[in-house]
């Protein structure tokens, strides 16, 4: 129950998705988990995140479109102002890499 409350609080405080939309997306995710509908692909920016099993980060990406809206938004602002080489050291599932990949000037 605490995970559900935490997820709902994160959806409520997120600027990238409205509360109703985020809750509906989260309920859809819970049905996907219940009926074991994996693998799946989730949109992250202009890229897609391949998810082979349920996990907390993937659930938040599903509900909010991004895993950590504030940090990902900051990354977008920095890369727009000053394109550079981006290295996602210690990447968990690569969601920051997917955000950075939307900047064509970073591609080699």
N, C-alpha and C. Protein backbone atom coordinates (compact mmCIF):
# COMPACT_ATOMS: atom_id res chain seq x y z
N UNK A 1 0.82 -1.20 0.00
CA UNK A 1 0.00 0.00 0.00
C UNK A 1 0.86 1.26 0.00
N UNK A 2 2.01 1.19 0.68
CA UNK A 2 2.88 2.37 0.73
C UNK A 2 3.46 2.70 -0.64
N UNK A 3 3.72 1.67 -1.48
CA UNK A 3 4.22 1.91 -2.83
C UNK A 3 3.16 2.64 -3.66
N UNK A 4 1.91 2.24 -3.50
CA UNK A 4 0.82 2.90 -4.22
C UNK A 4 0.70 4.36 -3.82
N UNK A 5 0.76 4.62 -2.54
CA UNK A 5 0.67 6.00 -2.04
C UNK A 5 1.85 6.83 -2.55
N UNK A 6 3.05 6.25 -2.52
CA UNK A 6 4.23 6.94 -3.03
C UNK A 6 4.07 7.26 -4.51
N UNK A 7 3.61 6.29 -5.30
CA UNK A 7 3.42 6.51 -6.74
C UNK A 7 2.39 7.59 -6.99
N UNK A 8 1.28 7.55 -6.28
CA UNK A 8 0.23 8.57 -6.46
C UNK A 8 0.74 9.96 -6.08
N UNK A 9 1.55 10.05 -5.03
CA UNK A 9 2.15 11.34 -4.65
C UNK A 9 3.09 11.85 -5.73
N UNK A 10 3.87 10.95 -6.31
CA UNK A 10 4.78 11.37 -7.37
C UNK A 10 4.00 11.83 -8.61
N UNK A 11 2.95 11.13 -8.95
CA UNK A 11 2.11 11.53 -10.09
C UNK A 11 1.49 12.89 -9.81
N UNK A 12 0.99 13.07 -8.61
CA UNK A 12 0.32 14.33 -8.24
C UNK A 12 1.27 15.52 -8.32
N UNK A 13 2.53 15.31 -7.98
CA UNK A 13 3.48 16.42 -7.96
C UNK A 13 4.24 16.58 -9.28
N UNK A 14 3.93 15.76 -10.27
CA UNK A 14 4.66 15.79 -11.54
C UNK A 14 4.04 16.79 -12.50
N UNK A 15 4.92 17.58 -13.16
CA UNK A 15 4.46 18.57 -14.13
C UNK A 15 4.26 17.99 -15.52
N UNK A 16 4.74 16.78 -15.76
CA UNK A 16 4.68 16.23 -17.12
C UNK A 16 3.37 15.52 -17.43
N UNK A 17 2.53 15.29 -16.42
CA UNK A 17 1.27 14.59 -16.66
C UNK A 17 0.23 15.07 -15.65
N UNK A 18 -1.01 15.13 -16.08
CA UNK A 18 -2.09 15.49 -15.16
C UNK A 18 -2.41 14.35 -14.22
N UNK A 19 -3.05 14.66 -13.12
CA UNK A 19 -3.36 13.64 -12.11
C UNK A 19 -4.23 12.53 -12.68
N UNK A 20 -5.32 12.89 -13.35
CA UNK A 20 -6.23 11.86 -13.88
C UNK A 20 -5.53 10.99 -14.92
N UNK A 21 -4.80 11.61 -15.83
CA UNK A 21 -4.08 10.86 -16.85
C UNK A 21 -3.04 9.94 -16.23
N UNK A 22 -2.29 10.45 -15.27
CA UNK A 22 -1.27 9.66 -14.61
C UNK A 22 -1.85 8.47 -13.85
N UNK A 23 -2.97 8.68 -13.17
CA UNK A 23 -3.61 7.59 -12.43
C UNK A 23 -4.13 6.53 -13.40
N UNK A 24 -4.74 6.96 -14.50
CA UNK A 24 -5.24 6.00 -15.49
C UNK A 24 -4.08 5.20 -16.08
N UNK A 25 -2.99 5.88 -16.39
CA UNK A 25 -1.83 5.18 -16.93
C UNK A 25 -1.26 4.20 -15.91
N UNK A 26 -1.27 4.59 -14.63
CA UNK A 26 -0.77 3.69 -13.58
C UNK A 26 -1.69 2.47 -13.42
N UNK A 27 -2.98 2.67 -13.48
CA UNK A 27 -3.92 1.54 -13.40
C UNK A 27 -3.72 0.60 -14.58
N UNK A 28 -3.50 1.16 -15.75
CA UNK A 28 -3.21 0.34 -16.93
C UNK A 28 -1.95 -0.50 -16.69
N UNK A 29 -0.95 0.12 -16.08
CA UNK A 29 0.29 -0.59 -15.76
C UNK A 29 0.01 -1.74 -14.80
N UNK A 30 -0.79 -1.50 -13.78
CA UNK A 30 -1.11 -2.55 -12.81
C UNK A 30 -1.81 -3.73 -13.48
N UNK A 31 -2.67 -3.44 -14.45
CA UNK A 31 -3.32 -4.52 -15.21
C UNK A 31 -2.29 -5.28 -16.04
N UNK A 32 -1.34 -4.55 -16.63
CA UNK A 32 -0.27 -5.20 -17.40
C UNK A 32 0.52 -6.15 -16.49
N UNK A 33 0.81 -5.71 -15.27
CA UNK A 33 1.54 -6.55 -14.32
C UNK A 33 0.69 -7.76 -13.93
N UNK A 34 -0.57 -7.53 -13.63
CA UNK A 34 -1.48 -8.60 -13.20
C UNK A 34 -1.59 -9.69 -14.27
N UNK A 35 -1.70 -9.28 -15.53
CA UNK A 35 -1.87 -10.24 -16.62
C UNK A 35 -0.56 -10.60 -17.31
N UNK A 36 0.57 -10.16 -16.70
CA UNK A 36 1.91 -10.50 -17.19
C UNK A 36 2.08 -10.17 -18.67
N UNK A 37 1.76 -8.93 -19.03
CA UNK A 37 1.84 -8.48 -20.42
C UNK A 37 3.20 -7.82 -20.69
N UNK A 38 4.24 -8.64 -20.63
CA UNK A 38 5.60 -8.19 -20.90
C UNK A 38 6.23 -9.11 -21.91
N UNK A 39 7.15 -8.63 -22.69
CA UNK A 39 7.76 -7.31 -22.71
C UNK A 39 6.82 -6.27 -23.33
N UNK A 40 7.19 -5.01 -23.11
CA UNK A 40 6.47 -3.90 -23.70
C UNK A 40 7.45 -2.76 -23.96
N UNK A 41 7.00 -1.76 -24.68
CA UNK A 41 7.82 -0.58 -24.95
C UNK A 41 7.09 0.64 -24.43
N UNK A 42 7.82 1.53 -23.77
CA UNK A 42 7.26 2.75 -23.23
C UNK A 42 7.94 3.95 -23.87
N UNK A 43 7.16 4.96 -24.28
CA UNK A 43 7.79 6.14 -24.87
C UNK A 43 8.51 6.97 -23.81
N UNK A 44 9.72 7.41 -24.13
CA UNK A 44 10.49 8.35 -23.31
C UNK A 44 11.03 9.39 -24.28
N UNK A 45 10.44 10.56 -24.27
CA UNK A 45 10.82 11.58 -25.25
C UNK A 45 10.49 11.07 -26.63
N UNK A 46 11.48 11.11 -27.51
CA UNK A 46 11.30 10.62 -28.87
C UNK A 46 11.76 9.17 -29.02
N UNK A 47 12.19 8.56 -27.93
CA UNK A 47 12.70 7.19 -27.96
C UNK A 47 11.71 6.25 -27.28
N UNK A 48 12.08 4.98 -27.21
CA UNK A 48 11.24 3.99 -26.57
C UNK A 48 12.09 3.15 -25.63
N UNK A 49 11.54 2.88 -24.47
CA UNK A 49 12.20 2.08 -23.44
C UNK A 49 11.63 0.67 -23.50
N UNK A 50 12.48 -0.31 -23.74
CA UNK A 50 12.06 -1.71 -23.78
C UNK A 50 12.03 -2.23 -22.35
N UNK A 51 10.89 -2.76 -21.94
CA UNK A 51 10.70 -3.26 -20.57
C UNK A 51 10.38 -4.74 -20.65
N UNK A 52 11.27 -5.57 -20.10
CA UNK A 52 11.03 -7.01 -20.17
C UNK A 52 10.33 -7.58 -18.94
N UNK A 53 10.30 -6.79 -17.86
CA UNK A 53 9.60 -7.23 -16.64
C UNK A 53 9.22 -6.00 -15.83
N UNK A 54 8.24 -6.13 -14.95
CA UNK A 54 7.81 -4.95 -14.18
C UNK A 54 8.89 -4.48 -13.21
N UNK A 55 8.93 -3.18 -13.03
CA UNK A 55 9.87 -2.58 -12.09
C UNK A 55 9.41 -1.18 -11.74
N UNK A 56 9.94 -0.64 -10.66
CA UNK A 56 9.52 0.67 -10.18
C UNK A 56 9.79 1.80 -11.14
N UNK A 57 10.98 1.81 -11.75
CA UNK A 57 11.32 2.88 -12.68
C UNK A 57 10.41 2.81 -13.90
N UNK A 58 10.22 1.62 -14.43
CA UNK A 58 9.35 1.45 -15.60
C UNK A 58 7.91 1.87 -15.27
N UNK A 59 7.45 1.57 -14.07
CA UNK A 59 6.09 1.96 -13.68
C UNK A 59 5.95 3.48 -13.66
N UNK A 60 6.98 4.18 -13.17
CA UNK A 60 6.92 5.64 -13.14
C UNK A 60 7.05 6.24 -14.54
N UNK A 61 7.89 5.64 -15.38
CA UNK A 61 7.99 6.09 -16.78
C UNK A 61 6.63 5.92 -17.44
N UNK A 62 5.97 4.81 -17.20
CA UNK A 62 4.66 4.57 -17.77
C UNK A 62 3.65 5.61 -17.29
N UNK A 63 3.62 5.88 -16.01
CA UNK A 63 2.62 6.79 -15.44
C UNK A 63 2.87 8.25 -15.79
N UNK A 64 4.15 8.65 -15.85
CA UNK A 64 4.46 10.07 -15.99
C UNK A 64 5.16 10.43 -17.30
N UNK A 65 5.54 9.43 -18.09
CA UNK A 65 6.24 9.71 -19.32
C UNK A 65 7.73 9.90 -19.14
N UNK A 66 8.15 10.11 -17.93
CA UNK A 66 9.55 10.26 -17.58
C UNK A 66 9.73 9.71 -16.17
N UNK A 67 10.95 9.33 -15.86
CA UNK A 67 11.20 8.75 -14.54
C UNK A 67 11.37 9.83 -13.48
N UNK A 68 12.16 10.80 -13.76
CA UNK A 68 12.46 11.85 -12.78
C UNK A 68 12.33 13.19 -13.49
N UNK A 69 11.12 13.71 -13.52
CA UNK A 69 10.80 14.89 -14.34
C UNK A 69 11.74 16.06 -14.10
N UNK A 70 11.98 16.42 -12.85
CA UNK A 70 12.81 17.59 -12.56
C UNK A 70 14.23 17.44 -13.09
N UNK A 71 14.86 16.32 -12.83
CA UNK A 71 16.23 16.11 -13.29
C UNK A 71 16.30 15.95 -14.80
N UNK A 72 15.32 15.27 -15.38
CA UNK A 72 15.32 15.10 -16.83
C UNK A 72 15.05 16.44 -17.53
N UNK A 73 14.20 17.25 -16.95
CA UNK A 73 13.94 18.58 -17.50
C UNK A 73 15.20 19.44 -17.42
N UNK A 74 15.91 19.37 -16.30
CA UNK A 74 17.17 20.09 -16.16
C UNK A 74 18.17 19.62 -17.22
N UNK A 75 18.26 18.32 -17.44
CA UNK A 75 19.16 17.79 -18.46
C UNK A 75 18.82 18.37 -19.83
N UNK A 76 17.54 18.43 -20.16
CA UNK A 76 17.12 19.00 -21.44
C UNK A 76 17.52 20.47 -21.56
N UNK A 77 17.33 21.22 -20.50
CA UNK A 77 17.68 22.65 -20.51
C UNK A 77 19.18 22.82 -20.73
N UNK A 78 19.98 22.05 -20.00
CA UNK A 78 21.44 22.16 -20.11
C UNK A 78 21.90 21.77 -21.51
N UNK A 79 21.36 20.67 -22.05
CA UNK A 79 21.80 20.21 -23.37
C UNK A 79 21.33 21.15 -24.49
N UNK A 80 20.22 21.83 -24.30
CA UNK A 80 19.76 22.81 -25.29
C UNK A 80 20.68 24.02 -25.30
N UNK A 81 21.11 24.45 -24.12
CA UNK A 81 21.95 25.64 -24.01
C UNK A 81 23.39 25.38 -24.41
N UNK A 82 23.87 24.19 -24.11
CA UNK A 82 25.28 23.91 -24.36
C UNK A 82 25.46 22.43 -24.71
N UNK A 83 25.26 22.09 -25.98
CA UNK A 83 25.43 20.69 -26.38
C UNK A 83 26.83 20.18 -26.05
N UNK A 84 26.90 18.98 -25.59
CA UNK A 84 28.18 18.38 -25.20
C UNK A 84 28.07 16.86 -25.31
N UNK A 85 29.12 16.20 -24.97
CA UNK A 85 29.08 14.74 -24.92
C UNK A 85 28.35 14.35 -23.65
N UNK A 86 27.43 13.41 -23.78
CA UNK A 86 26.65 12.95 -22.63
C UNK A 86 27.02 11.51 -22.34
N UNK A 87 27.40 11.23 -21.10
CA UNK A 87 27.73 9.87 -20.68
C UNK A 87 26.87 9.55 -19.47
N UNK A 88 26.09 8.49 -19.58
CA UNK A 88 25.21 8.06 -18.49
C UNK A 88 25.96 7.00 -17.69
N UNK A 89 26.80 7.42 -16.77
CA UNK A 89 27.62 6.51 -15.98
C UNK A 89 26.75 5.85 -14.91
N UNK A 90 26.82 4.54 -14.87
CA UNK A 90 26.02 3.82 -13.88
C UNK A 90 24.56 3.75 -14.24
N UNK A 91 24.27 3.80 -15.52
CA UNK A 91 22.88 3.79 -15.97
C UNK A 91 22.15 2.55 -15.45
N UNK A 92 20.98 2.76 -14.91
CA UNK A 92 20.14 1.67 -14.44
C UNK A 92 19.40 1.06 -15.63
N UNK A 93 18.49 1.83 -16.20
CA UNK A 93 17.77 1.35 -17.39
C UNK A 93 17.98 2.27 -18.58
N UNK A 94 18.76 3.32 -18.40
CA UNK A 94 19.11 4.18 -19.51
C UNK A 94 18.10 5.26 -19.84
N UNK A 95 17.23 5.61 -18.92
CA UNK A 95 16.20 6.61 -19.23
C UNK A 95 16.80 7.99 -19.49
N UNK A 96 17.88 8.35 -18.81
CA UNK A 96 18.53 9.64 -19.08
C UNK A 96 19.19 9.62 -20.45
N UNK A 97 19.75 8.47 -20.83
CA UNK A 97 20.34 8.34 -22.15
C UNK A 97 19.29 8.52 -23.23
N UNK A 98 18.10 8.00 -23.00
CA UNK A 98 17.02 8.18 -23.97
C UNK A 98 16.63 9.64 -24.11
N UNK A 99 16.61 10.38 -23.01
CA UNK A 99 16.32 11.81 -23.06
C UNK A 99 17.41 12.53 -23.84
N UNK A 100 18.66 12.23 -23.54
CA UNK A 100 19.78 12.89 -24.23
C UNK A 100 19.82 12.54 -25.70
N UNK A 101 19.33 11.36 -26.06
CA UNK A 101 19.38 10.93 -27.46
C UNK A 101 18.45 11.75 -28.36
N UNK A 102 17.57 12.53 -27.78
CA UNK A 102 16.66 13.35 -28.59
C UNK A 102 17.34 14.58 -29.15
N UNK A 103 18.60 14.82 -28.78
CA UNK A 103 19.35 15.97 -29.27
C UNK A 103 20.26 15.51 -30.40
N UNK A 104 19.91 15.83 -31.65
CA UNK A 104 20.68 15.34 -32.79
C UNK A 104 22.15 15.76 -32.77
N UNK A 105 22.43 16.93 -32.19
CA UNK A 105 23.81 17.40 -32.17
C UNK A 105 24.71 16.54 -31.27
N UNK A 106 24.11 15.68 -30.42
CA UNK A 106 24.91 14.81 -29.55
C UNK A 106 25.24 13.50 -30.25
N UNK A 107 24.54 13.20 -31.32
CA UNK A 107 24.77 11.93 -32.02
C UNK A 107 26.02 12.04 -32.87
N UNK A 108 26.76 10.95 -32.92
CA UNK A 108 27.98 10.98 -33.74
C UNK A 108 27.79 10.19 -35.00
